[in-house]
Amino acid sequence: MKKITILILINALFLSVFAQNNQFKVKIGDPAPDFSVKLTNGKTFKLSENRGKVIVLQFTASWCGVCTKEMPHIENKIWLPHKSKGIIVLAVDREEPEYTVKNYQKRAPVTYPFAMDLDAAIFNKYAEAGSGVTRNVVIDKNGRIAYLTRLYNEPEFAKMVNKINQLMK
């Protein structure tokens, strides 16, 4: 009985720490907070105008090594297989000036579009202000949060890809 109690306490502690470290304001099933953002190509993207599409927001920054490491995986396992089917993948750069974002995009190993969250207003709708930038938000065709990730972890990334594959059917 003591072993079971200890395991339950350890599990509860792990889940509590994991939830705090993720520091998301949204959870799976919530409506995705609406926003408009300027893309590096000069166009504006408005989330609510893209209902009916699966959308992946990759919050990133030029100084974020983990974000850059994750980009080719997003490119090859999400963007390229699904772009002809209408998926939207946006690298949402947090709190950097336009010229920095455009330079980052030029050297990034991806072809999906970049958006400029100059004052972190979009990031702050989805995550706690001041929390780490490396995170993905998957939004289903009904505009609801379908999956959330924090940092790059291969097993978790594989689960996200599976979820996106299901949503794209």
N, C-alpha and C. Protein backbone atom coordinates (compact mmCIF):
# COMPACT_ATOMS: atom_id res chain seq x y z
N MET A 1 0.82 -1.20 0.00
CA MET A 1 0.00 0.00 0.00
C MET A 1 0.86 1.27 0.00
N LYS A 2 1.96 1.24 0.76
CA LYS A 2 2.84 2.41 0.80
C LYS A 2 3.46 2.70 -0.56
N LYS A 3 3.82 1.61 -1.28
CA LYS A 3 4.43 1.78 -2.60
C LYS A 3 3.45 2.46 -3.56
N ILE A 4 2.19 2.05 -3.51
CA ILE A 4 1.18 2.65 -4.38
C ILE A 4 0.99 4.12 -4.05
N THR A 5 0.92 4.44 -2.77
CA THR A 5 0.77 5.83 -2.34
C THR A 5 1.95 6.67 -2.79
N ILE A 6 3.15 6.13 -2.65
CA ILE A 6 4.35 6.85 -3.06
C ILE A 6 4.34 7.07 -4.58
N LEU A 7 3.96 6.04 -5.34
CA LEU A 7 3.89 6.19 -6.79
C LEU A 7 2.85 7.23 -7.21
N ILE A 8 1.73 7.25 -6.52
CA ILE A 8 0.69 8.24 -6.83
C ILE A 8 1.21 9.65 -6.53
N LEU A 9 1.90 9.82 -5.42
CA LEU A 9 2.46 11.14 -5.07
C LEU A 9 3.53 11.58 -6.07
N ILE A 10 4.38 10.65 -6.46
CA ILE A 10 5.43 10.98 -7.44
C ILE A 10 4.79 11.37 -8.76
N ASN A 11 3.79 10.62 -9.19
CA ASN A 11 3.09 10.92 -10.43
C ASN A 11 2.42 12.30 -10.36
N ALA A 12 1.75 12.59 -9.26
CA ALA A 12 1.09 13.89 -9.08
C ALA A 12 2.12 15.02 -9.11
N LEU A 13 3.26 14.83 -8.47
CA LEU A 13 4.31 15.84 -8.46
C LEU A 13 4.84 16.05 -9.88
N PHE A 14 5.10 14.96 -10.60
CA PHE A 14 5.58 15.05 -11.98
C PHE A 14 4.60 15.83 -12.84
N LEU A 15 3.31 15.47 -12.77
CA LEU A 15 2.30 16.15 -13.58
C LEU A 15 2.19 17.62 -13.22
N SER A 16 2.31 17.93 -11.94
CA SER A 16 2.25 19.32 -11.49
C SER A 16 3.42 20.12 -12.04
N VAL A 17 4.62 19.58 -11.93
CA VAL A 17 5.82 20.26 -12.44
C VAL A 17 5.73 20.39 -13.95
N PHE A 18 5.31 19.33 -14.65
CA PHE A 18 5.18 19.37 -16.11
C PHE A 18 4.20 20.45 -16.53
N ALA A 19 3.05 20.52 -15.87
CA ALA A 19 2.04 21.53 -16.22
C ALA A 19 2.57 22.94 -15.98
N GLN A 20 3.30 23.14 -14.87
CA GLN A 20 3.84 24.47 -14.58
C GLN A 20 4.91 24.85 -15.60
N ASN A 21 5.74 23.88 -15.98
CA ASN A 21 6.80 24.18 -16.94
C ASN A 21 6.25 24.52 -18.31
N ASN A 22 5.11 23.97 -18.68
CA ASN A 22 4.52 24.29 -19.98
C ASN A 22 3.97 25.70 -20.02
N GLN A 23 3.40 26.15 -18.95
CA GLN A 23 2.91 27.51 -18.78
C GLN A 23 2.03 27.99 -19.93
N PHE A 24 1.13 27.12 -20.40
CA PHE A 24 0.15 27.52 -21.40
C PHE A 24 -1.05 28.16 -20.70
N LYS A 25 -1.63 29.16 -21.35
CA LYS A 25 -2.89 29.74 -20.88
C LYS A 25 -4.08 28.99 -21.45
N VAL A 26 -3.86 28.28 -22.54
CA VAL A 26 -4.92 27.52 -23.20
C VAL A 26 -4.70 26.04 -22.94
N LYS A 27 -5.78 25.28 -23.13
CA LYS A 27 -5.64 23.83 -23.02
C LYS A 27 -6.39 23.17 -24.18
N ILE A 28 -6.11 21.91 -24.37
CA ILE A 28 -6.74 21.16 -25.46
C ILE A 28 -8.25 21.23 -25.31
N GLY A 29 -8.91 21.56 -26.41
CA GLY A 29 -10.37 21.69 -26.44
C GLY A 29 -10.85 23.13 -26.34
N ASP A 30 -9.99 24.03 -25.86
CA ASP A 30 -10.36 25.45 -25.78
C ASP A 30 -10.46 26.07 -27.18
N PRO A 31 -11.32 27.08 -27.33
CA PRO A 31 -11.28 27.85 -28.58
C PRO A 31 -9.93 28.57 -28.67
N ALA A 32 -9.32 28.57 -29.83
CA ALA A 32 -8.05 29.27 -30.01
C ALA A 32 -8.29 30.77 -29.98
N PRO A 33 -7.55 31.50 -29.15
CA PRO A 33 -7.71 32.96 -29.13
C PRO A 33 -7.41 33.56 -30.51
N ASP A 34 -8.29 34.44 -30.96
CA ASP A 34 -8.14 35.05 -32.27
C ASP A 34 -7.03 36.09 -32.25
N PHE A 35 -6.43 36.32 -33.40
CA PHE A 35 -5.39 37.34 -33.56
C PHE A 35 -5.21 37.65 -35.03
N SER A 36 -4.61 38.79 -35.28
CA SER A 36 -4.14 39.18 -36.61
C SER A 36 -2.65 39.44 -36.48
N VAL A 37 -1.90 39.08 -37.51
CA VAL A 37 -0.46 39.27 -37.46
C VAL A 37 0.06 39.56 -38.87
N LYS A 38 1.08 40.39 -38.93
CA LYS A 38 1.73 40.71 -40.20
C LYS A 38 2.76 39.62 -40.51
N LEU A 39 2.71 39.13 -41.75
CA LEU A 39 3.69 38.16 -42.22
C LEU A 39 4.88 38.90 -42.81
N THR A 40 6.00 38.21 -42.96
CA THR A 40 7.18 38.87 -43.51
C THR A 40 7.00 39.24 -44.97
N ASN A 41 6.03 38.64 -45.66
CA ASN A 41 5.77 39.01 -47.06
C ASN A 41 4.85 40.23 -47.17
N GLY A 42 4.49 40.82 -46.02
CA GLY A 42 3.66 42.02 -46.01
C GLY A 42 2.17 41.76 -45.87
N LYS A 43 1.74 40.52 -46.08
CA LYS A 43 0.32 40.19 -45.94
C LYS A 43 -0.04 40.08 -44.46
N THR A 44 -1.34 40.10 -44.18
CA THR A 44 -1.84 39.93 -42.82
C THR A 44 -2.56 38.59 -42.72
N PHE A 45 -2.30 37.88 -41.65
CA PHE A 45 -2.97 36.62 -41.37
C PHE A 45 -3.90 36.85 -40.18
N LYS A 46 -5.17 36.47 -40.33
CA LYS A 46 -6.13 36.55 -39.24
C LYS A 46 -6.63 35.13 -38.97
N LEU A 47 -6.46 34.69 -37.76
CA LEU A 47 -6.81 33.31 -37.42
C LEU A 47 -8.25 32.98 -37.76
N SER A 48 -9.20 33.82 -37.33
CA SER A 48 -10.62 33.51 -37.52
C SER A 48 -11.03 33.45 -38.99
N GLU A 49 -10.26 34.05 -39.87
CA GLU A 49 -10.56 33.99 -41.31
C GLU A 49 -10.09 32.68 -41.94
N ASN A 50 -9.46 31.83 -41.15
CA ASN A 50 -8.93 30.57 -41.66
C ASN A 50 -9.59 29.35 -41.03
N ARG A 51 -10.81 29.55 -40.52
CA ARG A 51 -11.59 28.42 -40.01
C ARG A 51 -11.74 27.40 -41.11
N GLY A 52 -11.77 26.15 -40.75
CA GLY A 52 -11.88 25.09 -41.75
C GLY A 52 -10.53 24.52 -42.16
N LYS A 53 -9.46 25.11 -41.64
CA LYS A 53 -8.11 24.63 -41.93
C LYS A 53 -7.42 24.22 -40.64
N VAL A 54 -6.55 23.25 -40.72
CA VAL A 54 -5.68 22.91 -39.59
C VAL A 54 -4.55 23.92 -39.60
N ILE A 55 -4.26 24.47 -38.42
CA ILE A 55 -3.24 25.51 -38.30
C ILE A 55 -2.23 25.10 -37.23
N VAL A 56 -0.95 25.25 -37.55
CA VAL A 56 0.12 24.97 -36.59
C VAL A 56 0.88 26.27 -36.37
N LEU A 57 0.91 26.72 -35.12
CA LEU A 57 1.69 27.90 -34.75
C LEU A 57 2.96 27.41 -34.08
N GLN A 58 4.10 27.75 -34.65
CA GLN A 58 5.37 27.43 -34.01
C GLN A 58 5.93 28.74 -33.47
N PHE A 59 5.82 28.92 -32.15
CA PHE A 59 6.38 30.13 -31.54
C PHE A 59 7.90 29.97 -31.51
N THR A 60 8.60 31.00 -31.99
CA THR A 60 10.03 30.90 -32.21
C THR A 60 10.70 32.25 -32.00
N ALA A 61 12.01 32.27 -32.09
CA ALA A 61 12.81 33.50 -32.08
C ALA A 61 14.18 33.16 -32.67
N SER A 62 14.83 34.14 -33.24
CA SER A 62 16.11 33.90 -33.92
C SER A 62 17.20 33.38 -32.99
N TRP A 63 17.12 33.72 -31.72
CA TRP A 63 18.14 33.31 -30.75
C TRP A 63 17.86 31.93 -30.16
N CYS A 64 16.74 31.32 -30.53
CA CYS A 64 16.30 30.06 -29.92
C CYS A 64 16.85 28.86 -30.69
N GLY A 65 17.87 28.23 -30.15
CA GLY A 65 18.48 27.07 -30.79
C GLY A 65 17.53 25.88 -30.90
N VAL A 66 16.72 25.66 -29.88
CA VAL A 66 15.77 24.54 -29.90
C VAL A 66 14.74 24.77 -31.01
N CYS A 67 14.29 26.00 -31.16
CA CYS A 67 13.31 26.32 -32.21
C CYS A 67 13.90 26.00 -33.59
N THR A 68 15.11 26.43 -33.83
CA THR A 68 15.76 26.21 -35.11
C THR A 68 16.00 24.72 -35.34
N LYS A 69 16.35 24.00 -34.29
CA LYS A 69 16.54 22.54 -34.39
C LYS A 69 15.23 21.85 -34.79
N GLU A 70 14.12 22.35 -34.29
CA GLU A 70 12.82 21.74 -34.55
C GLU A 70 12.30 22.04 -35.96
N MET A 71 12.70 23.16 -36.53
CA MET A 71 12.15 23.62 -37.81
C MET A 71 12.23 22.60 -38.94
N PRO A 72 13.36 21.94 -39.18
CA PRO A 72 13.38 20.97 -40.29
C PRO A 72 12.40 19.81 -40.07
N HIS A 73 12.15 19.46 -38.83
CA HIS A 73 11.18 18.40 -38.53
C HIS A 73 9.76 18.86 -38.88
N ILE A 74 9.45 20.10 -38.54
CA ILE A 74 8.14 20.66 -38.90
C ILE A 74 8.03 20.74 -40.42
N GLU A 75 9.08 21.20 -41.06
CA GLU A 75 9.10 21.31 -42.52
C GLU A 75 8.83 19.96 -43.18
N ASN A 76 9.58 18.94 -42.77
CA ASN A 76 9.55 17.65 -43.47
C ASN A 76 8.43 16.72 -43.05
N LYS A 77 7.94 16.86 -41.82
CA LYS A 77 6.91 15.91 -41.34
C LYS A 77 5.52 16.52 -41.28
N ILE A 78 5.44 17.85 -41.35
CA ILE A 78 4.12 18.50 -41.25
C ILE A 78 3.84 19.37 -42.48
N TRP A 79 4.70 20.35 -42.73
CA TRP A 79 4.46 21.32 -43.78
C TRP A 79 4.46 20.69 -45.18
N LEU A 80 5.54 20.05 -45.55
CA LEU A 80 5.64 19.51 -46.92
C LEU A 80 4.59 18.42 -47.21
N PRO A 81 4.34 17.49 -46.30
CA PRO A 81 3.32 16.47 -46.61
C PRO A 81 1.89 17.02 -46.70
N HIS A 82 1.61 18.15 -46.06
CA HIS A 82 0.22 18.61 -45.98
C HIS A 82 -0.05 19.96 -46.63
N LYS A 83 0.97 20.66 -47.12
CA LYS A 83 0.71 22.02 -47.63
C LYS A 83 -0.24 22.02 -48.82
N SER A 84 -0.17 21.00 -49.67
CA SER A 84 -1.08 20.95 -50.82
C SER A 84 -2.52 20.61 -50.40
N LYS A 85 -2.69 20.16 -49.15
CA LYS A 85 -4.01 19.83 -48.62
C LYS A 85 -4.60 20.99 -47.82
N GLY A 86 -3.86 22.10 -47.73
CA GLY A 86 -4.40 23.30 -47.11
C GLY A 86 -3.98 23.59 -45.68
N ILE A 87 -3.05 22.82 -45.13
CA ILE A 87 -2.59 23.12 -43.77
C ILE A 87 -1.90 24.48 -43.75
N ILE A 88 -1.99 25.16 -42.63
CA ILE A 88 -1.27 26.42 -42.44
C ILE A 88 -0.26 26.20 -41.32
N VAL A 89 0.99 26.46 -41.62
CA VAL A 89 2.05 26.42 -40.61
C VAL A 89 2.65 27.81 -40.58
N LEU A 90 2.71 28.39 -39.39
CA LEU A 90 3.30 29.72 -39.22
C LEU A 90 4.38 29.68 -38.15
N ALA A 91 5.56 30.17 -38.49
CA ALA A 91 6.58 30.43 -37.48
C ALA A 91 6.25 31.82 -36.93
N VAL A 92 5.82 31.88 -35.69
CA VAL A 92 5.42 33.15 -35.08
C VAL A 92 6.59 33.63 -34.24
N ASP A 93 7.34 34.59 -34.79
CA ASP A 93 8.55 35.08 -34.12
C ASP A 93 8.17 36.07 -33.03
N ARG A 94 8.68 35.81 -31.85
CA ARG A 94 8.30 36.58 -30.66
C ARG A 94 9.28 37.71 -30.34
N GLU A 95 8.75 38.91 -30.33
CA GLU A 95 9.43 40.11 -29.81
C GLU A 95 10.77 40.43 -30.45
N GLU A 96 10.82 40.35 -31.77
CA GLU A 96 12.04 40.78 -32.45
C GLU A 96 11.63 41.74 -33.56
N PRO A 97 12.50 42.69 -33.89
CA PRO A 97 12.17 43.66 -34.95
C PRO A 97 12.06 42.97 -36.31
N GLU A 98 11.36 43.61 -37.21
CA GLU A 98 11.08 43.05 -38.53
C GLU A 98 12.34 42.61 -39.26
N TYR A 99 13.39 43.43 -39.24
CA TYR A 99 14.61 43.06 -39.98
C TYR A 99 15.24 41.80 -39.40
N THR A 100 15.17 41.61 -38.09
CA THR A 100 15.71 40.40 -37.47
C THR A 100 14.91 39.17 -37.89
N VAL A 101 13.59 39.31 -37.90
CA VAL A 101 12.73 38.19 -38.30
C VAL A 101 12.99 37.82 -39.76
N LYS A 102 13.11 38.82 -40.63
CA LYS A 102 13.35 38.54 -42.04
C LYS A 102 14.71 37.88 -42.26
N ASN A 103 15.73 38.33 -41.53
CA ASN A 103 17.05 37.69 -41.63
C ASN A 103 17.02 36.26 -41.11
N TYR A 104 16.29 36.04 -40.03
CA TYR A 104 16.13 34.70 -39.48
C TYR A 104 15.45 33.80 -40.51
N GLN A 105 14.41 34.29 -41.13
CA GLN A 105 13.69 33.49 -42.12
C GLN A 105 14.60 33.11 -43.29
N LYS A 106 15.47 34.03 -43.71
CA LYS A 106 16.38 33.74 -44.83
C LYS A 106 17.32 32.59 -44.51
N ARG A 107 17.76 32.49 -43.28
CA ARG A 107 18.72 31.43 -42.93
C ARG A 107 18.05 30.19 -42.30
N ALA A 108 16.76 30.29 -42.04
CA ALA A 108 16.05 29.14 -41.45
C ALA A 108 15.90 28.03 -42.50
N PRO A 109 15.98 26.78 -42.05
CA PRO A 109 15.92 25.66 -43.00
C PRO A 109 14.49 25.25 -43.34
N VAL A 110 13.62 26.25 -43.62
CA VAL A 110 12.21 25.95 -43.88
C VAL A 110 11.65 26.86 -44.96
N THR A 111 10.49 26.44 -45.50
CA THR A 111 9.82 27.24 -46.53
C THR A 111 8.46 27.75 -46.06
N TYR A 112 8.01 27.36 -44.87
CA TYR A 112 6.72 27.85 -44.38
C TYR A 112 6.85 29.31 -43.95
N PRO A 113 5.73 30.04 -43.93
CA PRO A 113 5.78 31.49 -43.67
C PRO A 113 6.13 31.85 -42.22
N PHE A 114 6.64 33.07 -42.09
CA PHE A 114 6.97 33.65 -40.79
C PHE A 114 6.04 34.82 -40.50
N ALA A 115 5.63 34.93 -39.25
CA ALA A 115 4.80 36.03 -38.78
C ALA A 115 5.58 36.79 -37.71
N MET A 116 5.28 38.08 -37.55
CA MET A 116 6.02 38.92 -36.62
C MET A 116 5.16 39.34 -35.43
N ASP A 117 5.38 38.71 -34.32
CA ASP A 117 4.69 39.03 -33.07
C ASP A 117 5.59 40.02 -32.31
N LEU A 118 5.61 41.25 -32.80
CA LEU A 118 6.59 42.25 -32.36
C LEU A 118 6.56 42.55 -30.87
N ASP A 119 5.38 42.50 -30.27
CA ASP A 119 5.27 42.84 -28.84
C ASP A 119 4.81 41.64 -27.99
N ALA A 120 4.88 40.43 -28.55
CA ALA A 120 4.48 39.19 -27.87
C ALA A 120 3.00 39.15 -27.51
N ALA A 121 2.18 39.95 -28.16
CA ALA A 121 0.75 39.97 -27.86
C ALA A 121 0.09 38.64 -28.21
N ILE A 122 0.51 38.03 -29.31
CA ILE A 122 -0.06 36.73 -29.70
C ILE A 122 0.44 35.66 -28.75
N PHE A 123 1.73 35.63 -28.52
CA PHE A 123 2.31 34.65 -27.59
C PHE A 123 1.60 34.71 -26.24
N ASN A 124 1.35 35.92 -25.76
CA ASN A 124 0.73 36.10 -24.45
C ASN A 124 -0.73 35.66 -24.40
N LYS A 125 -1.37 35.48 -25.54
CA LYS A 125 -2.73 34.93 -25.57
C LYS A 125 -2.71 33.42 -25.32
N TYR A 126 -1.60 32.79 -25.67
CA TYR A 126 -1.49 31.34 -25.60
C TYR A 126 -0.64 30.85 -24.42
N ALA A 127 0.33 31.64 -23.99
CA ALA A 127 1.26 31.20 -22.94
C ALA A 127 1.51 32.35 -21.97
N GLU A 128 2.01 31.96 -20.80
CA GLU A 128 2.33 32.96 -19.78
C GLU A 128 3.44 33.89 -20.27
N ALA A 129 3.27 35.17 -20.03
CA ALA A 129 4.29 36.15 -20.39
C ALA A 129 5.59 35.78 -19.70
N GLY A 130 6.68 35.89 -20.42
CA GLY A 130 7.98 35.59 -19.84
C GLY A 130 8.34 34.11 -19.85
N SER A 131 7.42 33.23 -20.24
CA SER A 131 7.76 31.81 -20.30
C SER A 131 8.48 31.53 -21.61
N GLY A 132 9.09 30.37 -21.70
CA GLY A 132 9.93 30.02 -22.84
C GLY A 132 9.19 30.01 -24.17
N VAL A 133 9.91 30.38 -25.20
CA VAL A 133 9.32 30.58 -26.52
C VAL A 133 9.08 29.27 -27.27
N THR A 134 9.89 28.28 -27.09
CA THR A 134 9.79 27.07 -27.90
C THR A 134 8.50 26.33 -27.58
N ARG A 135 7.51 26.46 -28.46
CA ARG A 135 6.25 25.76 -28.26
C ARG A 135 5.46 25.75 -29.56
N ASN A 136 4.59 24.72 -29.68
CA ASN A 136 3.72 24.60 -30.84
C ASN A 136 2.28 24.51 -30.37
N VAL A 137 1.40 25.11 -31.16
CA VAL A 137 -0.03 25.05 -30.89
C VAL A 137 -0.68 24.55 -32.17
N VAL A 138 -1.40 23.43 -32.07
CA VAL A 138 -2.14 22.88 -33.20
C VAL A 138 -3.61 23.23 -33.02
N ILE A 139 -4.19 23.83 -34.05
CA ILE A 139 -5.59 24.27 -34.01
C ILE A 139 -6.36 23.47 -35.06
N ASP A 140 -7.47 22.88 -34.65
CA ASP A 140 -8.25 22.05 -35.58
C ASP A 140 -9.11 22.91 -36.51
N LYS A 141 -9.84 22.26 -37.40
CA LYS A 141 -10.64 22.96 -38.41
C LYS A 141 -11.80 23.74 -37.81
N ASN A 142 -12.16 23.43 -36.56
CA ASN A 142 -13.24 24.15 -35.87
C ASN A 142 -12.71 25.30 -35.03
N GLY A 143 -11.40 25.55 -35.08
CA GLY A 143 -10.82 26.66 -34.33
C GLY A 143 -10.55 26.34 -32.87
N ARG A 144 -10.41 25.06 -32.56
CA ARG A 144 -10.14 24.64 -31.18
C ARG A 144 -8.71 24.11 -31.05
N ILE A 145 -8.14 24.28 -29.87
CA ILE A 145 -6.81 23.77 -29.59
C ILE A 145 -6.86 22.24 -29.64
N ALA A 146 -6.02 21.64 -30.48
CA ALA A 146 -6.01 20.19 -30.64
C ALA A 146 -4.76 19.54 -30.04
N TYR A 147 -3.67 20.31 -29.94
CA TYR A 147 -2.44 19.74 -29.38
C TYR A 147 -1.52 20.89 -28.97
N LEU A 148 -0.74 20.67 -27.91
CA LEU A 148 0.21 21.65 -27.41
C LEU A 148 1.54 20.97 -27.11
N THR A 149 2.63 21.61 -27.49
CA THR A 149 3.95 21.09 -27.13
C THR A 149 4.80 22.22 -26.55
N ARG A 150 5.80 21.81 -25.80
CA ARG A 150 6.77 22.74 -25.22
C ARG A 150 8.14 22.11 -25.36
N LEU A 151 9.07 22.85 -25.90
CA LEU A 151 10.41 22.36 -26.22
C LEU A 151 10.33 21.30 -27.30
N TYR A 152 11.47 20.76 -27.71
CA TYR A 152 11.46 19.72 -28.74
C TYR A 152 11.82 18.39 -28.09
N ASN A 153 10.89 17.46 -28.20
CA ASN A 153 11.06 16.12 -27.65
C ASN A 153 10.56 15.17 -28.73
N GLU A 154 11.42 14.27 -29.20
CA GLU A 154 11.05 13.42 -30.34
C GLU A 154 9.77 12.62 -30.14
N PRO A 155 9.57 11.93 -29.00
CA PRO A 155 8.31 11.19 -28.84
C PRO A 155 7.08 12.11 -28.83
N GLU A 156 7.20 13.27 -28.17
CA GLU A 156 6.08 14.21 -28.15
C GLU A 156 5.83 14.78 -29.55
N PHE A 157 6.90 15.07 -30.27
CA PHE A 157 6.77 15.58 -31.63
C PHE A 157 6.06 14.55 -32.51
N ALA A 158 6.42 13.28 -32.36
CA ALA A 158 5.78 12.21 -33.13
C ALA A 158 4.29 12.14 -32.83
N LYS A 159 3.91 12.35 -31.57
CA LYS A 159 2.48 12.37 -31.20
C LYS A 159 1.78 13.54 -31.86
N MET A 160 2.46 14.69 -31.91
CA MET A 160 1.88 15.86 -32.57
C MET A 160 1.68 15.59 -34.06
N VAL A 161 2.66 14.99 -34.70
CA VAL A 161 2.55 14.66 -36.13
C VAL A 161 1.38 13.71 -36.34
N ASN A 162 1.24 12.71 -35.48
CA ASN A 162 0.11 11.77 -35.60
C ASN A 162 -1.21 12.50 -35.47
N LYS A 163 -1.30 13.42 -34.52
CA LYS A 163 -2.53 14.20 -34.32
C LYS A 163 -2.84 15.02 -35.57
N ILE A 164 -1.83 15.67 -36.12
CA ILE A 164 -2.02 16.48 -37.32
C ILE A 164 -2.45 15.59 -38.49
N ASN A 165 -1.83 14.43 -38.62
CA ASN A 165 -2.23 13.50 -39.70
C ASN A 165 -3.69 13.12 -39.57
N GLN A 166 -4.16 12.89 -38.35
CA GLN A 166 -5.58 12.56 -38.11
C GLN A 166 -6.48 13.73 -38.50
N LEU A 167 -6.06 14.94 -38.09
CA LEU A 167 -6.87 16.13 -38.37
C LEU A 167 -6.94 16.43 -39.88
N MET A 168 -5.92 16.04 -40.61
CA MET A 168 -5.86 16.35 -42.05
C MET A 168 -6.65 15.35 -42.89
N LYS A 169 -7.15 14.28 -42.29
CA LYS A 169 -7.93 13.28 -43.06
C LYS A 169 -9.29 13.83 -43.42
